[in-house]
Amino acid sequence: MSLYYCDICRMYTKSGSWYETHLRSARHIRLERDRTDYQLCIENQCFCGRIFSKKAYYDRHHTICRMKLEKAKAARKERCAEIKRKREEQEQERLAVEKLMALDDDSD
């Protein structure tokens, strides 16, 4: 018997059909959106480790931060590339789930 796990909602289920229903639920979609919104604000993370909710706050902090400008720019570029890669992975996972759900609907 296989277990299905939603890492966004942190819940298990034994039923594949219930898991698919859960993925379409308002709760899951809201938590997934909130999780993505948090990842967006990581773009405003200083090299020193502080995270800012808005770019303006990051810019103001950056003028007084002790980290070197070049190092911070390189690190920010790397973080943006990592976030882009994670978004693409999430999109691929979402497409795979939709494809599986479409296959399941076709077999019914």
N, C-alpha and C. Protein backbone atom coordinates (compact mmCIF):
# COMPACT_ATOMS: atom_id res chain seq x y z
N MET A 1 0.85 -1.17 0.00
CA MET A 1 0.00 0.00 0.00
C MET A 1 0.90 1.24 0.00
N SER A 2 0.68 2.13 -0.95
CA SER A 2 1.52 3.32 -1.03
C SER A 2 0.86 4.49 -0.33
N LEU A 3 1.69 5.36 0.19
CA LEU A 3 1.21 6.56 0.84
C LEU A 3 1.50 7.75 -0.07
N TYR A 4 0.60 8.68 -0.10
CA TYR A 4 0.79 9.92 -0.86
C TYR A 4 1.06 11.03 0.15
N TYR A 5 2.04 11.88 -0.15
CA TYR A 5 2.43 12.93 0.78
C TYR A 5 2.45 14.28 0.06
N CYS A 6 1.82 15.26 0.65
CA CYS A 6 1.86 16.63 0.15
C CYS A 6 2.81 17.41 1.03
N ASP A 7 3.97 17.79 0.50
CA ASP A 7 4.96 18.50 1.31
C ASP A 7 4.55 19.94 1.58
N ILE A 8 3.67 20.49 0.76
CA ILE A 8 3.21 21.86 0.98
C ILE A 8 2.28 21.91 2.19
N CYS A 9 1.34 20.99 2.25
CA CYS A 9 0.37 20.95 3.34
C CYS A 9 0.81 20.04 4.48
N ARG A 10 1.86 19.27 4.26
CA ARG A 10 2.40 18.34 5.26
C ARG A 10 1.34 17.35 5.73
N MET A 11 0.82 16.59 4.77
CA MET A 11 -0.20 15.61 5.10
C MET A 11 -0.03 14.35 4.27
N TYR A 12 -0.44 13.23 4.83
CA TYR A 12 -0.38 11.94 4.17
C TYR A 12 -1.79 11.47 3.84
N THR A 13 -1.89 10.63 2.82
CA THR A 13 -3.14 9.95 2.53
C THR A 13 -2.81 8.63 1.86
N LYS A 14 -3.69 7.66 2.00
CA LYS A 14 -3.50 6.36 1.37
C LYS A 14 -4.19 6.27 0.03
N SER A 15 -5.11 7.18 -0.21
CA SER A 15 -5.92 7.13 -1.42
C SER A 15 -5.38 8.07 -2.49
N GLY A 16 -5.10 7.53 -3.66
CA GLY A 16 -4.62 8.35 -4.76
C GLY A 16 -5.67 9.33 -5.25
N SER A 17 -6.93 8.90 -5.27
CA SER A 17 -7.99 9.80 -5.73
C SER A 17 -8.21 10.94 -4.74
N TRP A 18 -8.09 10.65 -3.44
CA TRP A 18 -8.23 11.70 -2.45
C TRP A 18 -7.08 12.69 -2.58
N TYR A 19 -5.87 12.18 -2.87
CA TYR A 19 -4.70 13.04 -3.04
C TYR A 19 -4.90 13.98 -4.23
N GLU A 20 -5.42 13.46 -5.33
CA GLU A 20 -5.68 14.30 -6.51
C GLU A 20 -6.72 15.36 -6.19
N THR A 21 -7.74 15.00 -5.43
CA THR A 21 -8.75 15.97 -5.01
C THR A 21 -8.12 17.04 -4.13
N HIS A 22 -7.24 16.61 -3.25
CA HIS A 22 -6.55 17.55 -2.37
C HIS A 22 -5.73 18.56 -3.17
N LEU A 23 -5.06 18.11 -4.23
CA LEU A 23 -4.23 19.02 -5.03
C LEU A 23 -5.07 20.11 -5.69
N ARG A 24 -6.34 19.87 -5.89
CA ARG A 24 -7.24 20.88 -6.49
C ARG A 24 -7.96 21.72 -5.44
N SER A 25 -7.75 21.41 -4.16
CA SER A 25 -8.48 22.11 -3.10
C SER A 25 -7.99 23.54 -2.93
N ALA A 26 -8.87 24.38 -2.42
CA ALA A 26 -8.55 25.79 -2.20
C ALA A 26 -7.42 25.93 -1.17
N ARG A 27 -7.44 25.11 -0.16
CA ARG A 27 -6.40 25.17 0.88
C ARG A 27 -5.03 24.90 0.28
N HIS A 28 -4.91 23.84 -0.49
CA HIS A 28 -3.63 23.48 -1.09
C HIS A 28 -3.15 24.59 -2.04
N ILE A 29 -4.03 25.09 -2.86
CA ILE A 29 -3.66 26.13 -3.82
C ILE A 29 -3.21 27.39 -3.08
N ARG A 30 -3.90 27.75 -2.01
CA ARG A 30 -3.52 28.94 -1.23
C ARG A 30 -2.15 28.76 -0.60
N LEU A 31 -1.90 27.59 0.01
CA LEU A 31 -0.61 27.35 0.64
C LEU A 31 0.50 27.30 -0.39
N GLU A 32 0.21 26.75 -1.56
CA GLU A 32 1.22 26.70 -2.62
C GLU A 32 1.56 28.12 -3.09
N ARG A 33 0.54 28.96 -3.23
CA ARG A 33 0.77 30.34 -3.64
C ARG A 33 1.57 31.09 -2.58
N ASP A 34 1.23 30.91 -1.31
CA ASP A 34 1.97 31.57 -0.23
C ASP A 34 3.41 31.12 -0.20
N ARG A 35 3.63 29.85 -0.44
CA ARG A 35 4.99 29.33 -0.46
C ARG A 35 5.78 29.95 -1.60
N THR A 36 5.16 30.11 -2.75
CA THR A 36 5.82 30.74 -3.90
C THR A 36 6.09 32.20 -3.60
N ASP A 37 5.15 32.90 -2.94
CA ASP A 37 5.36 34.30 -2.60
C ASP A 37 6.57 34.45 -1.68
N TYR A 38 6.74 33.51 -0.74
CA TYR A 38 7.90 33.57 0.14
C TYR A 38 9.18 33.40 -0.66
N GLN A 39 9.17 32.49 -1.61
CA GLN A 39 10.36 32.28 -2.43
C GLN A 39 10.69 33.51 -3.26
N LEU A 40 9.67 34.27 -3.65
CA LEU A 40 9.93 35.49 -4.40
C LEU A 40 10.68 36.50 -3.56
N CYS A 41 10.35 36.61 -2.27
CA CYS A 41 11.04 37.61 -1.45
C CYS A 41 12.46 37.19 -1.12
N ILE A 42 12.84 35.94 -1.37
CA ILE A 42 14.22 35.53 -1.17
C ILE A 42 15.12 36.25 -2.17
N GLU A 43 14.55 36.74 -3.27
CA GLU A 43 15.33 37.53 -4.22
C GLU A 43 15.87 38.78 -3.54
N ASN A 44 15.22 39.23 -2.49
CA ASN A 44 15.66 40.42 -1.77
C ASN A 44 16.45 40.03 -0.52
N GLN A 45 17.32 39.05 -0.66
CA GLN A 45 18.14 38.60 0.45
C GLN A 45 19.54 39.15 0.28
N CYS A 46 20.04 39.77 1.32
CA CYS A 46 21.39 40.32 1.28
C CYS A 46 22.40 39.18 1.46
N PHE A 47 23.60 39.42 1.02
CA PHE A 47 24.65 38.41 1.16
C PHE A 47 24.93 38.12 2.63
N CYS A 48 24.64 39.07 3.50
CA CYS A 48 24.87 38.87 4.93
C CYS A 48 23.81 37.94 5.54
N GLY A 49 22.75 37.61 4.78
CA GLY A 49 21.76 36.66 5.25
C GLY A 49 20.40 37.24 5.56
N ARG A 50 20.28 38.56 5.65
CA ARG A 50 18.98 39.17 5.94
C ARG A 50 18.08 39.11 4.71
N ILE A 51 16.78 38.86 4.94
CA ILE A 51 15.79 38.80 3.86
C ILE A 51 14.84 39.98 4.03
N PHE A 52 14.55 40.67 2.94
CA PHE A 52 13.68 41.83 2.97
C PHE A 52 12.45 41.57 2.12
N SER A 53 11.29 42.06 2.57
CA SER A 53 10.05 41.80 1.86
C SER A 53 9.93 42.66 0.61
N LYS A 54 10.64 43.76 0.54
CA LYS A 54 10.58 44.63 -0.62
C LYS A 54 11.98 45.00 -1.08
N LYS A 55 12.11 45.23 -2.37
CA LYS A 55 13.41 45.58 -2.94
C LYS A 55 13.92 46.90 -2.37
N ALA A 56 13.03 47.84 -2.10
CA ALA A 56 13.45 49.13 -1.55
C ALA A 56 14.13 48.95 -0.19
N TYR A 57 13.59 48.04 0.63
CA TYR A 57 14.21 47.79 1.94
C TYR A 57 15.58 47.17 1.75
N TYR A 58 15.68 46.25 0.80
CA TYR A 58 16.97 45.63 0.50
C TYR A 58 17.97 46.68 0.04
N ASP A 59 17.56 47.56 -0.86
CA ASP A 59 18.46 48.59 -1.39
C ASP A 59 18.95 49.51 -0.28
N ARG A 60 18.05 49.90 0.61
CA ARG A 60 18.45 50.79 1.71
C ARG A 60 19.46 50.08 2.62
N HIS A 61 19.20 48.83 2.93
CA HIS A 61 20.12 48.06 3.76
C HIS A 61 21.46 47.89 3.07
N HIS A 62 21.41 47.66 1.79
CA HIS A 62 22.62 47.36 1.03
C HIS A 62 23.62 48.52 1.07
N THR A 63 23.13 49.75 1.19
CA THR A 63 24.03 50.90 1.23
C THR A 63 24.85 50.93 2.51
N ILE A 64 24.34 50.32 3.60
CA ILE A 64 25.08 50.33 4.85
C ILE A 64 25.65 48.96 5.22
N CYS A 65 25.38 47.94 4.42
CA CYS A 65 25.85 46.59 4.72
C CYS A 65 27.36 46.51 4.53
N ARG A 66 28.01 45.70 5.33
CA ARG A 66 29.46 45.60 5.28
C ARG A 66 29.99 44.68 4.19
N MET A 67 29.11 43.95 3.55
CA MET A 67 29.55 43.02 2.52
C MET A 67 30.01 43.79 1.28
N LYS A 68 30.95 43.26 0.58
CA LYS A 68 31.46 43.93 -0.62
C LYS A 68 30.41 43.89 -1.73
N LEU A 69 30.32 44.95 -2.49
CA LEU A 69 29.30 45.10 -3.52
C LEU A 69 29.41 44.01 -4.57
N GLU A 70 30.59 43.71 -5.05
CA GLU A 70 30.76 42.70 -6.09
C GLU A 70 30.34 41.32 -5.59
N LYS A 71 30.72 41.02 -4.38
CA LYS A 71 30.36 39.73 -3.80
C LYS A 71 28.85 39.62 -3.66
N ALA A 72 28.21 40.69 -3.24
CA ALA A 72 26.76 40.70 -3.07
C ALA A 72 26.06 40.55 -4.41
N LYS A 73 26.55 41.22 -5.44
CA LYS A 73 25.92 41.12 -6.76
C LYS A 73 26.03 39.70 -7.30
N ALA A 74 27.21 39.08 -7.15
CA ALA A 74 27.40 37.71 -7.62
C ALA A 74 26.48 36.75 -6.87
N ALA A 75 26.39 36.92 -5.57
CA ALA A 75 25.54 36.04 -4.77
C ALA A 75 24.07 36.23 -5.14
N ARG A 76 23.65 37.48 -5.35
CA ARG A 76 22.26 37.76 -5.73
C ARG A 76 21.94 37.13 -7.08
N LYS A 77 22.88 37.20 -8.01
CA LYS A 77 22.68 36.60 -9.33
C LYS A 77 22.53 35.08 -9.21
N GLU A 78 23.35 34.46 -8.37
CA GLU A 78 23.26 33.02 -8.16
C GLU A 78 21.92 32.65 -7.52
N ARG A 79 21.46 33.43 -6.54
CA ARG A 79 20.17 33.14 -5.90
C ARG A 79 19.03 33.27 -6.89
N CYS A 80 19.10 34.30 -7.75
CA CYS A 80 18.03 34.48 -8.74
C CYS A 80 17.99 33.29 -9.71
N ALA A 81 19.16 32.81 -10.11
CA ALA A 81 19.22 31.65 -11.00
C ALA A 81 18.66 30.41 -10.30
N GLU A 82 18.96 30.26 -9.01
CA GLU A 82 18.45 29.12 -8.26
C GLU A 82 16.93 29.19 -8.13
N ILE A 83 16.40 30.37 -7.87
CA ILE A 83 14.96 30.54 -7.75
C ILE A 83 14.28 30.25 -9.08
N LYS A 84 14.88 30.70 -10.17
CA LYS A 84 14.33 30.44 -11.50
C LYS A 84 14.30 28.94 -11.76
N ARG A 85 15.37 28.24 -11.39
CA ARG A 85 15.44 26.79 -11.58
C ARG A 85 14.36 26.10 -10.75
N LYS A 86 14.15 26.55 -9.51
CA LYS A 86 13.13 25.94 -8.66
C LYS A 86 11.74 26.18 -9.21
N ARG A 87 11.49 27.38 -9.74
CA ARG A 87 10.19 27.67 -10.35
C ARG A 87 9.94 26.74 -11.53
N GLU A 88 10.97 26.54 -12.35
CA GLU A 88 10.83 25.65 -13.50
C GLU A 88 10.54 24.23 -13.05
N GLU A 89 11.21 23.77 -12.00
CA GLU A 89 10.95 22.42 -11.46
C GLU A 89 9.51 22.30 -10.96
N GLN A 90 9.04 23.33 -10.26
CA GLN A 90 7.67 23.31 -9.77
C GLN A 90 6.68 23.27 -10.92
N GLU A 91 6.97 24.03 -11.97
CA GLU A 91 6.08 24.04 -13.13
C GLU A 91 6.07 22.67 -13.80
N GLN A 92 7.23 22.02 -13.90
CA GLN A 92 7.30 20.69 -14.48
C GLN A 92 6.50 19.69 -13.65
N GLU A 93 6.62 19.79 -12.32
CA GLU A 93 5.86 18.90 -11.44
C GLU A 93 4.36 19.13 -11.61
N ARG A 94 3.96 20.40 -11.69
CA ARG A 94 2.55 20.72 -11.87
C ARG A 94 2.03 20.15 -13.18
N LEU A 95 2.82 20.30 -14.26
CA LEU A 95 2.41 19.76 -15.55
C LEU A 95 2.32 18.24 -15.52
N ALA A 96 3.24 17.60 -14.80
CA ALA A 96 3.21 16.15 -14.69
C ALA A 96 1.95 15.69 -13.96
N VAL A 97 1.59 16.40 -12.89
CA VAL A 97 0.38 16.05 -12.15
C VAL A 97 -0.85 16.24 -13.02
N GLU A 98 -0.91 17.35 -13.75
CA GLU A 98 -2.04 17.59 -14.64
C GLU A 98 -2.13 16.52 -15.73
N LYS A 99 -0.98 16.09 -16.23
CA LYS A 99 -0.97 15.05 -17.25
C LYS A 99 -1.51 13.73 -16.68
N LEU A 100 -1.07 13.40 -15.46
CA LEU A 100 -1.55 12.18 -14.82
C LEU A 100 -3.05 12.26 -14.55
N MET A 101 -3.50 13.43 -14.14
CA MET A 101 -4.93 13.60 -13.88
C MET A 101 -5.72 13.49 -15.17
N ALA A 102 -5.18 13.99 -16.28
CA ALA A 102 -5.86 13.90 -17.57
C ALA A 102 -5.91 12.44 -18.03
N LEU A 103 -4.83 11.70 -17.82
CA LEU A 103 -4.81 10.29 -18.19
C LEU A 103 -5.83 9.51 -17.38
N ASP A 104 -5.93 9.86 -16.09
CA ASP A 104 -6.89 9.18 -15.22
C ASP A 104 -8.33 9.49 -15.68
N ASP A 105 -8.59 10.74 -16.06
CA ASP A 105 -9.92 11.10 -16.54
C ASP A 105 -10.25 10.39 -17.86
N ASP A 106 -9.27 10.21 -18.72
CA ASP A 106 -9.50 9.54 -20.00
C ASP A 106 -9.82 8.06 -19.80
N SER A 107 -9.22 7.44 -18.77
CA SER A 107 -9.44 6.01 -18.56
C SER A 107 -10.82 5.74 -17.97
N ASP A 108 -11.44 6.76 -17.37
CA ASP A 108 -12.79 6.56 -16.78
C ASP A 108 -13.80 6.56 -17.85
